[in-house]
Amino acid sequence: MMSLNNLQNVTYNPVIPYVGTIPEQLEPGTLIVIRGHVPSDSDRFQVDLQNGSSVKPRADVVFHFNPRFKRSNCIVCNTLKNERWGREEITYDMPFKKEKSFEIVILVLEDKFQVAVNGKHVLLYAHRMRPEEVDTLGIYGKVHVHSVGYSFSSVSASTSRLCDDAVSASGANVSKRHSRWQCWIMSLCSVFLDVSHSD
C-alpha cells in the first residue's frame, strides 16, 4: 500500500455519498488513492470522476468505476455526457470481496485511466472526455471509505513513451499494460523520493 505521507489533501472517513472538489487539475501522472471496506450487504458502489456536482441536469461523469456484486461479480466502467451514458466496458476479474478492505489507485495517463486494486492491475479505460474536465470526485453506494488522497506529481509524456518503448524492446509478451504500470509507478516513486529528500 502507498504511504499516506506521499499523498496530498487526504480526507479521512468521508460520509457516503461523498462529493468533493479535486484541488488540482488531473494531468498525466496524477494519482487518486481510495482506501475502504466492502460491507457484507453491499450490492454495488461507484467512484465517479465528474465535471461538477450538479444533480439536475446531472453532471458529466468522465470516468464511472462501478463494482457490482449482484448476480455476476463485475466492474462496469462508462462515461456520462449530456445525461447520456455511453457503451459499458465490463471487467469480470473482480478484485473486491465483501467484508474485505481495499485500496484503489487510479492513475491518469495521457490517453487513458489505469486502475489497480490492492497493488494489482485491474483495468484500462481510454479517455472519452478530457481528464482536465474532471474537478469533482463522487463516491456512492454501499461502501465504507477510510481515506481519499491525491498525488499531483505529474510525469511527462516523454516518460510515458519511454515506458512503452522499453516494454516493446523487451519483446516479452508479459502484458504490456502491467509493465507500463510498473514503469509509471517507479517514475512516480522516484518523484516521491525526491520530494522527501528535499524536505
N, C-alpha and C. Protein backbone atom coordinates (compact mmCIF):
# COMPACT_ATOMS: atom_id res chain seq x y z
N MET A 1 0.84 -1.20 0.00
CA MET A 1 0.00 0.00 0.00
C MET A 1 0.87 1.25 0.00
N MET A 2 0.35 2.30 -0.61
CA MET A 2 1.07 3.54 -0.70
C MET A 2 0.97 4.30 0.62
N SER A 3 2.11 4.85 1.05
CA SER A 3 2.12 5.61 2.30
C SER A 3 1.29 6.88 2.15
N LEU A 4 0.48 7.15 3.16
CA LEU A 4 -0.33 8.37 3.15
C LEU A 4 0.55 9.61 3.18
N ASN A 5 1.82 9.45 3.62
CA ASN A 5 2.74 10.58 3.64
C ASN A 5 3.01 11.10 2.24
N ASN A 6 2.85 10.24 1.25
CA ASN A 6 3.12 10.63 -0.13
C ASN A 6 1.91 11.26 -0.80
N LEU A 7 0.79 11.32 -0.10
CA LEU A 7 -0.44 11.84 -0.69
C LEU A 7 -0.77 13.23 -0.15
N GLN A 8 -1.54 13.96 -0.95
CA GLN A 8 -1.92 15.32 -0.57
C GLN A 8 -3.43 15.39 -0.40
N ASN A 9 -3.86 16.41 0.35
CA ASN A 9 -5.30 16.68 0.51
C ASN A 9 -6.07 15.42 0.91
N VAL A 10 -5.57 14.71 1.91
CA VAL A 10 -6.21 13.47 2.34
C VAL A 10 -7.47 13.77 3.15
N THR A 11 -8.58 13.12 2.79
CA THR A 11 -9.83 13.21 3.53
C THR A 11 -10.07 11.88 4.22
N TYR A 12 -10.31 11.91 5.53
CA TYR A 12 -10.49 10.68 6.29
C TYR A 12 -11.97 10.44 6.61
N ASN A 13 -12.36 9.17 6.48
CA ASN A 13 -13.71 8.72 6.84
C ASN A 13 -14.83 9.62 6.30
N PRO A 14 -14.84 9.88 5.00
CA PRO A 14 -15.91 10.71 4.45
C PRO A 14 -17.25 10.00 4.54
N VAL A 15 -18.30 10.79 4.73
CA VAL A 15 -19.66 10.24 4.74
C VAL A 15 -20.06 9.94 3.30
N ILE A 16 -20.64 8.75 3.09
CA ILE A 16 -21.09 8.33 1.76
C ILE A 16 -22.60 8.57 1.67
N PRO A 17 -23.15 9.16 0.62
CA PRO A 17 -22.45 9.59 -0.59
C PRO A 17 -21.50 10.76 -0.32
N TYR A 18 -20.33 10.69 -0.98
CA TYR A 18 -19.31 11.72 -0.84
C TYR A 18 -19.14 12.43 -2.17
N VAL A 19 -19.18 13.76 -2.14
CA VAL A 19 -18.90 14.56 -3.33
C VAL A 19 -17.92 15.64 -2.90
N GLY A 20 -16.69 15.58 -3.44
CA GLY A 20 -15.66 16.52 -3.02
C GLY A 20 -14.93 17.13 -4.21
N THR A 21 -14.54 18.37 -4.04
CA THR A 21 -13.79 19.06 -5.10
C THR A 21 -12.36 18.52 -5.14
N ILE A 22 -11.88 18.22 -6.33
CA ILE A 22 -10.49 17.80 -6.51
C ILE A 22 -9.64 19.08 -6.58
N PRO A 23 -8.65 19.21 -5.70
CA PRO A 23 -7.98 20.50 -5.53
C PRO A 23 -7.12 20.97 -6.70
N GLU A 24 -6.71 20.06 -7.58
CA GLU A 24 -5.90 20.46 -8.73
C GLU A 24 -6.39 19.75 -9.98
N GLN A 25 -5.92 20.23 -11.13
CA GLN A 25 -6.31 19.62 -12.40
C GLN A 25 -5.66 18.25 -12.55
N LEU A 26 -6.41 17.32 -13.14
CA LEU A 26 -5.86 15.99 -13.40
C LEU A 26 -4.98 16.05 -14.63
N GLU A 27 -3.72 15.66 -14.46
CA GLU A 27 -2.76 15.61 -15.55
C GLU A 27 -2.09 14.24 -15.56
N PRO A 28 -1.44 13.87 -16.66
CA PRO A 28 -0.73 12.58 -16.66
C PRO A 28 0.23 12.49 -15.48
N GLY A 29 0.11 11.40 -14.74
CA GLY A 29 0.92 11.22 -13.55
C GLY A 29 0.16 11.43 -12.26
N THR A 30 -1.02 12.05 -12.33
CA THR A 30 -1.84 12.23 -11.12
C THR A 30 -2.33 10.88 -10.61
N LEU A 31 -2.28 10.71 -9.31
CA LEU A 31 -2.79 9.50 -8.65
C LEU A 31 -3.96 9.87 -7.75
N ILE A 32 -4.99 9.04 -7.76
CA ILE A 32 -6.09 9.15 -6.81
C ILE A 32 -6.11 7.83 -6.05
N VAL A 33 -6.03 7.91 -4.73
CA VAL A 33 -5.94 6.70 -3.90
C VAL A 33 -7.12 6.67 -2.92
N ILE A 34 -7.90 5.60 -3.01
CA ILE A 34 -9.09 5.45 -2.15
C ILE A 34 -8.96 4.16 -1.37
N ARG A 35 -9.06 4.26 -0.07
CA ARG A 35 -9.00 3.07 0.79
C ARG A 35 -10.32 2.90 1.51
N GLY A 36 -10.76 1.65 1.60
CA GLY A 36 -12.03 1.42 2.26
C GLY A 36 -12.29 -0.04 2.52
N HIS A 37 -13.57 -0.35 2.70
CA HIS A 37 -14.00 -1.68 3.12
C HIS A 37 -15.37 -1.94 2.48
N VAL A 38 -15.54 -3.15 1.94
CA VAL A 38 -16.83 -3.51 1.35
C VAL A 38 -17.68 -4.19 2.41
N PRO A 39 -18.83 -3.61 2.77
CA PRO A 39 -19.68 -4.25 3.80
C PRO A 39 -20.34 -5.52 3.26
N SER A 40 -20.81 -6.35 4.16
CA SER A 40 -21.37 -7.66 3.78
C SER A 40 -22.64 -7.53 2.96
N ASP A 41 -23.38 -6.41 3.12
CA ASP A 41 -24.65 -6.26 2.40
C ASP A 41 -24.52 -5.42 1.13
N SER A 42 -23.29 -5.17 0.69
CA SER A 42 -23.10 -4.32 -0.48
C SER A 42 -23.55 -5.02 -1.75
N ASP A 43 -24.34 -4.32 -2.57
CA ASP A 43 -24.69 -4.86 -3.88
C ASP A 43 -23.91 -4.15 -4.98
N ARG A 44 -23.45 -2.91 -4.68
CA ARG A 44 -22.66 -2.15 -5.64
C ARG A 44 -22.17 -0.87 -4.99
N PHE A 45 -21.12 -0.31 -5.54
CA PHE A 45 -20.72 1.05 -5.21
C PHE A 45 -20.03 1.63 -6.43
N GLN A 46 -19.80 2.94 -6.41
CA GLN A 46 -19.18 3.55 -7.58
C GLN A 46 -18.30 4.71 -7.20
N VAL A 47 -17.27 4.90 -8.01
CA VAL A 47 -16.37 6.04 -7.92
C VAL A 47 -16.51 6.79 -9.23
N ASP A 48 -16.91 8.07 -9.16
CA ASP A 48 -17.13 8.87 -10.35
C ASP A 48 -16.17 10.06 -10.38
N LEU A 49 -15.45 10.20 -11.47
CA LEU A 49 -14.66 11.41 -11.71
C LEU A 49 -15.54 12.32 -12.56
N GLN A 50 -16.01 13.40 -11.97
CA GLN A 50 -17.08 14.20 -12.53
C GLN A 50 -16.62 15.60 -12.94
N ASN A 51 -17.44 16.22 -13.76
CA ASN A 51 -17.28 17.64 -14.08
C ASN A 51 -18.40 18.39 -13.36
N GLY A 52 -18.11 18.83 -12.14
CA GLY A 52 -19.12 19.50 -11.33
C GLY A 52 -19.92 18.52 -10.49
N SER A 53 -20.91 19.05 -9.76
CA SER A 53 -21.70 18.21 -8.87
C SER A 53 -23.20 18.41 -9.07
N SER A 54 -23.57 18.96 -10.21
CA SER A 54 -24.98 19.22 -10.49
C SER A 54 -25.79 17.93 -10.50
N VAL A 55 -27.00 17.99 -9.96
CA VAL A 55 -27.91 16.84 -9.95
C VAL A 55 -28.93 16.96 -11.09
N LYS A 56 -29.42 18.17 -11.31
CA LYS A 56 -30.36 18.42 -12.41
C LYS A 56 -29.94 19.70 -13.14
N PRO A 57 -29.41 19.61 -14.36
CA PRO A 57 -29.08 18.36 -15.07
C PRO A 57 -27.90 17.67 -14.40
N ARG A 58 -27.83 16.37 -14.60
CA ARG A 58 -26.77 15.61 -13.95
C ARG A 58 -25.40 15.97 -14.53
N ALA A 59 -24.43 16.11 -13.65
CA ALA A 59 -23.08 16.45 -14.07
C ALA A 59 -22.50 15.37 -14.97
N ASP A 60 -21.66 15.78 -15.92
CA ASP A 60 -20.95 14.80 -16.75
C ASP A 60 -20.03 13.96 -15.87
N VAL A 61 -19.96 12.67 -16.17
CA VAL A 61 -19.07 11.76 -15.47
C VAL A 61 -18.02 11.30 -16.48
N VAL A 62 -16.80 11.78 -16.31
CA VAL A 62 -15.72 11.46 -17.25
C VAL A 62 -15.31 10.00 -17.11
N PHE A 63 -15.27 9.51 -15.86
CA PHE A 63 -14.91 8.10 -15.62
C PHE A 63 -15.79 7.57 -14.49
N HIS A 64 -16.60 6.57 -14.83
CA HIS A 64 -17.52 5.91 -13.89
C HIS A 64 -16.96 4.50 -13.64
N PHE A 65 -16.58 4.25 -12.37
CA PHE A 65 -15.97 2.97 -11.97
C PHE A 65 -16.93 2.32 -10.98
N ASN A 66 -17.55 1.20 -11.38
CA ASN A 66 -18.71 0.68 -10.65
C ASN A 66 -18.63 -0.83 -10.39
N PRO A 67 -18.02 -1.23 -9.25
CA PRO A 67 -18.04 -2.65 -8.88
C PRO A 67 -19.45 -3.09 -8.49
N ARG A 68 -19.88 -4.24 -9.02
CA ARG A 68 -21.22 -4.78 -8.74
C ARG A 68 -21.09 -6.21 -8.22
N PHE A 69 -21.89 -6.51 -7.17
CA PHE A 69 -21.79 -7.80 -6.51
C PHE A 69 -23.02 -8.67 -6.72
N LYS A 70 -24.06 -8.13 -7.36
CA LYS A 70 -25.29 -8.89 -7.57
C LYS A 70 -25.13 -9.75 -8.81
N ARG A 71 -25.68 -10.95 -8.80
CA ARG A 71 -25.56 -11.88 -9.92
C ARG A 71 -24.08 -12.10 -10.25
N SER A 72 -23.61 -11.69 -11.43
CA SER A 72 -22.20 -11.92 -11.74
C SER A 72 -21.36 -10.76 -11.23
N ASN A 73 -20.34 -11.08 -10.43
CA ASN A 73 -19.45 -10.04 -9.92
C ASN A 73 -18.69 -9.42 -11.08
N CYS A 74 -18.72 -8.10 -11.16
CA CYS A 74 -18.01 -7.44 -12.25
C CYS A 74 -17.79 -5.97 -11.92
N ILE A 75 -16.96 -5.32 -12.74
CA ILE A 75 -16.76 -3.88 -12.64
C ILE A 75 -17.24 -3.27 -13.96
N VAL A 76 -18.15 -2.33 -13.88
CA VAL A 76 -18.67 -1.65 -15.07
C VAL A 76 -18.07 -0.25 -15.12
N CYS A 77 -17.49 0.10 -16.27
CA CYS A 77 -16.95 1.44 -16.47
C CYS A 77 -17.70 2.12 -17.61
N ASN A 78 -17.84 3.43 -17.51
CA ASN A 78 -18.58 4.13 -18.54
C ASN A 78 -18.32 5.63 -18.43
N THR A 79 -18.93 6.39 -19.34
CA THR A 79 -18.85 7.85 -19.33
C THR A 79 -20.26 8.40 -19.54
N LEU A 80 -20.62 9.40 -18.75
CA LEU A 80 -21.91 10.06 -18.89
C LEU A 80 -21.67 11.46 -19.44
N LYS A 81 -22.20 11.74 -20.63
CA LYS A 81 -22.04 13.06 -21.23
C LYS A 81 -23.41 13.58 -21.66
N ASN A 82 -23.71 14.80 -21.26
CA ASN A 82 -25.02 15.40 -21.57
C ASN A 82 -26.17 14.48 -21.15
N GLU A 83 -26.01 13.88 -19.96
CA GLU A 83 -27.02 12.99 -19.35
C GLU A 83 -27.27 11.71 -20.16
N ARG A 84 -26.32 11.33 -20.98
CA ARG A 84 -26.46 10.08 -21.73
C ARG A 84 -25.24 9.20 -21.49
N TRP A 85 -25.50 7.95 -21.09
CA TRP A 85 -24.42 7.00 -20.88
C TRP A 85 -23.90 6.49 -22.22
N GLY A 86 -22.62 6.20 -22.26
CA GLY A 86 -22.02 5.61 -23.44
C GLY A 86 -22.06 4.08 -23.34
N ARG A 87 -21.16 3.45 -24.07
CA ARG A 87 -21.09 1.98 -24.08
C ARG A 87 -20.36 1.49 -22.82
N GLU A 88 -20.96 0.51 -22.15
CA GLU A 88 -20.34 -0.05 -20.95
C GLU A 88 -19.10 -0.88 -21.30
N GLU A 89 -18.09 -0.76 -20.48
CA GLU A 89 -16.93 -1.65 -20.56
C GLU A 89 -16.93 -2.46 -19.27
N ILE A 90 -16.98 -3.79 -19.41
CA ILE A 90 -17.17 -4.66 -18.25
C ILE A 90 -15.93 -5.51 -18.01
N THR A 91 -15.48 -5.53 -16.77
CA THR A 91 -14.35 -6.37 -16.35
C THR A 91 -14.87 -7.42 -15.38
N TYR A 92 -14.63 -8.69 -15.70
CA TYR A 92 -15.14 -9.77 -14.84
C TYR A 92 -14.10 -10.27 -13.84
N ASP A 93 -12.90 -9.76 -13.96
CA ASP A 93 -11.85 -10.12 -13.00
C ASP A 93 -12.04 -9.23 -11.77
N MET A 94 -12.82 -9.72 -10.81
CA MET A 94 -13.28 -8.91 -9.68
C MET A 94 -12.32 -8.97 -8.50
N PRO A 95 -11.66 -7.84 -8.17
CA PRO A 95 -10.70 -7.85 -7.06
C PRO A 95 -11.32 -7.55 -5.71
N PHE A 96 -12.59 -7.10 -5.71
CA PHE A 96 -13.25 -6.72 -4.45
C PHE A 96 -14.00 -7.90 -3.86
N LYS A 97 -13.96 -8.00 -2.52
CA LYS A 97 -14.71 -9.05 -1.83
C LYS A 97 -15.43 -8.43 -0.63
N LYS A 98 -16.62 -8.95 -0.39
CA LYS A 98 -17.39 -8.44 0.75
C LYS A 98 -16.64 -8.71 2.05
N GLU A 99 -16.75 -7.76 2.96
CA GLU A 99 -16.12 -7.83 4.28
C GLU A 99 -14.59 -7.78 4.20
N LYS A 100 -14.07 -7.29 3.08
CA LYS A 100 -12.62 -7.16 2.91
C LYS A 100 -12.27 -5.70 2.61
N SER A 101 -11.07 -5.33 3.04
CA SER A 101 -10.58 -3.97 2.77
C SER A 101 -10.00 -3.89 1.36
N PHE A 102 -9.88 -2.67 0.86
CA PHE A 102 -9.32 -2.48 -0.47
C PHE A 102 -8.56 -1.16 -0.54
N GLU A 103 -7.68 -1.08 -1.53
CA GLU A 103 -7.04 0.17 -1.90
C GLU A 103 -7.15 0.30 -3.41
N ILE A 104 -7.84 1.33 -3.86
CA ILE A 104 -7.98 1.62 -5.29
C ILE A 104 -6.98 2.72 -5.64
N VAL A 105 -6.18 2.48 -6.67
CA VAL A 105 -5.27 3.51 -7.18
C VAL A 105 -5.66 3.79 -8.62
N ILE A 106 -6.07 5.03 -8.91
CA ILE A 106 -6.39 5.45 -10.27
C ILE A 106 -5.26 6.35 -10.75
N LEU A 107 -4.61 5.93 -11.82
CA LEU A 107 -3.51 6.68 -12.39
C LEU A 107 -3.97 7.32 -13.69
N VAL A 108 -3.77 8.63 -13.80
CA VAL A 108 -4.14 9.34 -15.02
C VAL A 108 -2.99 9.26 -16.01
N LEU A 109 -3.26 8.71 -17.19
CA LEU A 109 -2.28 8.68 -18.26
C LEU A 109 -2.74 9.63 -19.36
N GLU A 110 -1.89 9.83 -20.37
CA GLU A 110 -2.23 10.76 -21.45
C GLU A 110 -3.52 10.39 -22.17
N ASP A 111 -3.71 9.09 -22.41
CA ASP A 111 -4.84 8.67 -23.24
C ASP A 111 -5.81 7.75 -22.53
N LYS A 112 -5.57 7.50 -21.25
CA LYS A 112 -6.44 6.56 -20.53
C LYS A 112 -6.28 6.71 -19.02
N PHE A 113 -7.21 6.09 -18.29
CA PHE A 113 -7.06 5.88 -16.86
C PHE A 113 -6.59 4.45 -16.66
N GLN A 114 -5.73 4.25 -15.68
CA GLN A 114 -5.27 2.90 -15.36
C GLN A 114 -5.60 2.67 -13.88
N VAL A 115 -6.21 1.53 -13.58
CA VAL A 115 -6.69 1.27 -12.22
C VAL A 115 -6.04 0.01 -11.66
N ALA A 116 -5.55 0.13 -10.44
CA ALA A 116 -5.04 -1.03 -9.70
C ALA A 116 -5.82 -1.13 -8.40
N VAL A 117 -6.04 -2.36 -7.95
CA VAL A 117 -6.71 -2.60 -6.67
C VAL A 117 -5.82 -3.53 -5.86
N ASN A 118 -5.52 -3.10 -4.65
CA ASN A 118 -4.65 -3.88 -3.75
C ASN A 118 -3.33 -4.23 -4.42
N GLY A 119 -2.79 -3.27 -5.16
CA GLY A 119 -1.46 -3.45 -5.75
C GLY A 119 -1.42 -4.22 -7.05
N LYS A 120 -2.59 -4.63 -7.57
CA LYS A 120 -2.61 -5.40 -8.82
C LYS A 120 -3.40 -4.65 -9.89
N HIS A 121 -2.84 -4.68 -11.11
CA HIS A 121 -3.51 -4.03 -12.23
C HIS A 121 -4.88 -4.67 -12.46
N VAL A 122 -5.90 -3.83 -12.69
CA VAL A 122 -7.26 -4.34 -12.90
C VAL A 122 -7.78 -3.99 -14.29
N LEU A 123 -7.64 -2.71 -14.68
CA LEU A 123 -8.21 -2.34 -15.98
C LEU A 123 -7.62 -1.04 -16.51
N LEU A 124 -7.84 -0.86 -17.82
CA LEU A 124 -7.54 0.38 -18.52
C LEU A 124 -8.85 0.94 -19.06
N TYR A 125 -8.96 2.27 -19.08
CA TYR A 125 -10.16 2.89 -19.62
C TYR A 125 -9.73 4.10 -20.46
N ALA A 126 -9.88 3.98 -21.77
CA ALA A 126 -9.47 5.06 -22.67
C ALA A 126 -10.34 6.29 -22.46
N HIS A 127 -9.70 7.46 -22.50
CA HIS A 127 -10.43 8.71 -22.29
C HIS A 127 -11.47 8.91 -23.39
N ARG A 128 -12.70 9.18 -22.98
CA ARG A 128 -13.75 9.60 -23.91
C ARG A 128 -14.00 11.09 -23.80
N MET A 129 -13.58 11.65 -22.67
CA MET A 129 -13.59 13.10 -22.45
C MET A 129 -12.23 13.46 -21.86
N ARG A 130 -11.85 14.70 -21.97
CA ARG A 130 -10.55 15.11 -21.47
C ARG A 130 -10.51 15.04 -19.94
N PRO A 131 -9.47 14.42 -19.36
CA PRO A 131 -9.39 14.34 -17.90
C PRO A 131 -9.30 15.71 -17.24
N GLU A 132 -8.84 16.71 -18.00
CA GLU A 132 -8.76 18.07 -17.45
C GLU A 132 -10.13 18.61 -17.08
N GLU A 133 -11.18 17.99 -17.61
CA GLU A 133 -12.54 18.45 -17.29
C GLU A 133 -13.00 17.98 -15.91
N VAL A 134 -12.28 17.03 -15.34
CA VAL A 134 -12.67 16.49 -14.02
C VAL A 134 -12.29 17.49 -12.94
N ASP A 135 -13.26 17.84 -12.09
CA ASP A 135 -12.95 18.70 -10.95
C ASP A 135 -13.61 18.21 -9.65
N THR A 136 -14.32 17.08 -9.75
CA THR A 136 -15.09 16.59 -8.60
C THR A 136 -14.97 15.07 -8.51
N LEU A 137 -14.81 14.57 -7.29
CA LEU A 137 -14.82 13.12 -7.04
C LEU A 137 -16.10 12.76 -6.32
N GLY A 138 -16.84 11.79 -6.85
CA GLY A 138 -18.05 11.31 -6.19
C GLY A 138 -17.92 9.83 -5.85
N ILE A 139 -18.32 9.47 -4.64
CA ILE A 139 -18.32 8.06 -4.22
C ILE A 139 -19.71 7.76 -3.67
N TYR A 140 -20.35 6.73 -4.23
CA TYR A 140 -21.75 6.44 -3.91
C TYR A 140 -21.92 4.94 -3.70
N GLY A 141 -23.04 4.58 -3.08
CA GLY A 141 -23.38 3.17 -2.93
C GLY A 141 -23.01 2.62 -1.56
N LYS A 142 -23.03 1.29 -1.46
CA LYS A 142 -22.77 0.63 -0.17
C LYS A 142 -21.28 0.32 -0.05
N VAL A 143 -20.58 1.27 0.58
CA VAL A 143 -19.13 1.12 0.77
C VAL A 143 -18.72 2.00 1.94
N HIS A 144 -17.72 1.54 2.68
CA HIS A 144 -17.13 2.34 3.75
C HIS A 144 -15.78 2.83 3.23
N VAL A 145 -15.56 4.13 3.28
CA VAL A 145 -14.30 4.70 2.81
C VAL A 145 -13.51 5.25 4.00
N HIS A 146 -12.27 4.80 4.12
CA HIS A 146 -11.42 5.24 5.23
C HIS A 146 -10.65 6.51 4.87
N SER A 147 -10.21 6.60 3.61
CA SER A 147 -9.44 7.79 3.21
C SER A 147 -9.46 7.96 1.70
N VAL A 148 -9.35 9.23 1.29
CA VAL A 148 -9.20 9.60 -0.12
C VAL A 148 -8.04 10.56 -0.19
N GLY A 149 -7.08 10.29 -1.07
CA GLY A 149 -5.92 11.18 -1.19
C GLY A 149 -5.45 11.28 -2.63
N TYR A 150 -4.59 12.26 -2.89
CA TYR A 150 -4.12 12.53 -4.24
C TYR A 150 -2.61 12.71 -4.25
N SER A 151 -2.03 12.44 -5.42
CA SER A 151 -0.66 12.87 -5.69
C SER A 151 -0.70 13.58 -7.03
N PHE A 152 -0.32 14.86 -7.03
CA PHE A 152 -0.38 15.64 -8.27
C PHE A 152 1.00 15.80 -8.91
N SER A 153 1.94 14.90 -8.55
CA SER A 153 3.25 14.92 -9.19
C SER A 153 3.09 14.44 -10.61
N SER A 154 3.16 15.36 -11.57
CA SER A 154 2.93 14.97 -12.96
C SER A 154 4.19 14.35 -13.55
N VAL A 155 3.97 13.42 -14.47
CA VAL A 155 5.06 12.75 -15.16
C VAL A 155 4.92 13.11 -16.63
N SER A 156 6.01 13.45 -17.27
CA SER A 156 5.94 13.95 -18.64
C SER A 156 5.50 12.89 -19.63
N ALA A 157 5.01 13.35 -20.79
CA ALA A 157 4.58 12.45 -21.85
C ALA A 157 5.77 11.66 -22.36
N SER A 158 6.97 12.27 -22.32
CA SER A 158 8.15 11.56 -22.83
C SER A 158 8.42 10.33 -21.98
N THR A 159 8.14 10.43 -20.65
CA THR A 159 8.32 9.26 -19.78
C THR A 159 7.37 8.15 -20.20
N SER A 160 6.13 8.53 -20.56
CA SER A 160 5.16 7.54 -21.00
C SER A 160 5.66 6.81 -22.25
N ARG A 161 6.22 7.59 -23.20
CA ARG A 161 6.70 6.97 -24.44
C ARG A 161 7.89 6.08 -24.15
N LEU A 162 8.76 6.52 -23.23
CA LEU A 162 9.93 5.71 -22.88
C LEU A 162 9.49 4.38 -22.29
N CYS A 163 8.44 4.42 -21.47
CA CYS A 163 7.92 3.19 -20.87
C CYS A 163 7.44 2.24 -21.96
N ASP A 164 6.67 2.78 -22.90
CA ASP A 164 6.16 1.95 -24.00
C ASP A 164 7.30 1.35 -24.81
N ASP A 165 8.34 2.19 -25.10
CA ASP A 165 9.47 1.72 -25.90
C ASP A 165 10.23 0.63 -25.16
N ALA A 166 10.39 0.82 -23.83
CA ALA A 166 11.13 -0.16 -23.05
C ALA A 166 10.39 -1.50 -23.03
N VAL A 167 9.06 -1.42 -22.92
CA VAL A 167 8.27 -2.65 -22.90
C VAL A 167 8.34 -3.36 -24.24
N SER A 168 8.24 -2.58 -25.35
CA SER A 168 8.29 -3.18 -26.69
C SER A 168 9.65 -3.82 -26.93
N ALA A 169 10.71 -3.12 -26.49
CA ALA A 169 12.06 -3.62 -26.73
C ALA A 169 12.32 -4.92 -25.98
N SER A 170 11.61 -5.12 -24.87
CA SER A 170 11.84 -6.33 -24.08
C SER A 170 11.40 -7.57 -24.85
N GLY A 171 10.44 -7.37 -25.77
CA GLY A 171 9.97 -8.50 -26.58
C GLY A 171 9.11 -9.45 -25.79
N ALA A 172 9.00 -9.24 -24.47
CA ALA A 172 8.20 -10.15 -23.67
C ALA A 172 6.75 -9.84 -23.86
N ASN A 173 5.96 -10.88 -23.98
CA ASN A 173 4.53 -10.65 -24.19
C ASN A 173 3.81 -10.62 -22.86
N VAL A 174 4.56 -10.30 -21.81
CA VAL A 174 4.00 -10.28 -20.48
C VAL A 174 3.16 -9.06 -20.37
N SER A 175 2.04 -9.04 -20.77
CA SER A 175 1.13 -7.94 -20.66
C SER A 175 1.81 -6.59 -20.61
N LYS A 176 1.76 -5.93 -21.73
CA LYS A 176 2.35 -4.59 -21.85
C LYS A 176 1.79 -3.65 -20.80
N ARG A 177 0.51 -3.79 -20.51
CA ARG A 177 -0.11 -2.86 -19.57
C ARG A 177 0.47 -3.02 -18.18
N HIS A 178 0.79 -4.29 -17.77
CA HIS A 178 1.37 -4.49 -16.45
C HIS A 178 2.74 -3.83 -16.37
N SER A 179 3.55 -4.01 -17.42
CA SER A 179 4.89 -3.45 -17.42
C SER A 179 4.84 -1.93 -17.40
N ARG A 180 3.91 -1.37 -18.18
CA ARG A 180 3.82 0.09 -18.21
C ARG A 180 3.40 0.61 -16.85
N TRP A 181 2.46 -0.13 -16.21
CA TRP A 181 2.02 0.26 -14.87
C TRP A 181 3.20 0.32 -13.92
N GLN A 182 4.04 -0.72 -13.94
CA GLN A 182 5.20 -0.76 -13.05
C GLN A 182 6.14 0.39 -13.36
N CYS A 183 6.32 0.67 -14.66
CA CYS A 183 7.21 1.74 -15.08
C CYS A 183 6.74 3.09 -14.55
N TRP A 184 5.44 3.34 -14.68
CA TRP A 184 4.89 4.61 -14.20
C TRP A 184 4.99 4.71 -12.68
N ILE A 185 4.68 3.62 -12.01
CA ILE A 185 4.77 3.67 -10.54
C ILE A 185 6.20 3.94 -10.10
N MET A 186 7.17 3.31 -10.79
CA MET A 186 8.57 3.56 -10.45
C MET A 186 8.92 5.03 -10.67
N SER A 187 8.41 5.60 -11.78
CA SER A 187 8.67 7.02 -12.05
C SER A 187 8.09 7.89 -10.96
N LEU A 188 6.86 7.55 -10.55
CA LEU A 188 6.21 8.34 -9.50
C LEU A 188 6.92 8.18 -8.17
N CYS A 189 7.37 6.96 -7.88
CA CYS A 189 8.08 6.73 -6.62
C CYS A 189 9.35 7.56 -6.57
N SER A 190 10.05 7.69 -7.73
CA SER A 190 11.28 8.49 -7.74
C SER A 190 10.94 9.95 -7.44
N VAL A 191 9.78 10.40 -7.91
CA VAL A 191 9.35 11.76 -7.62
C VAL A 191 9.11 11.91 -6.12
N PHE A 192 8.45 10.90 -5.51
CA PHE A 192 8.17 10.95 -4.08
C PHE A 192 9.47 11.00 -3.28
N LEU A 193 10.45 10.20 -3.72
CA LEU A 193 11.72 10.16 -3.00
C LEU A 193 12.41 11.52 -3.09
N ASP A 194 12.37 12.13 -4.28
CA ASP A 194 12.98 13.45 -4.46
C ASP A 194 12.34 14.47 -3.53
N VAL A 195 11.00 14.39 -3.41
CA VAL A 195 10.28 15.33 -2.55
C VAL A 195 10.69 15.14 -1.11
N SER A 196 10.74 13.85 -0.68
CA SER A 196 11.07 13.60 0.74
C SER A 196 12.50 14.01 1.05
N HIS A 197 13.43 13.85 0.08
CA HIS A 197 14.83 14.24 0.34
C HIS A 197 14.95 15.76 0.40
N SER A 198 14.11 16.46 -0.38
CA SER A 198 14.21 17.91 -0.39
C SER A 198 13.73 18.51 0.92
N ASP A 199 12.92 17.74 1.67
CA ASP A 199 12.47 18.22 2.99
C ASP A 199 13.63 18.16 3.98
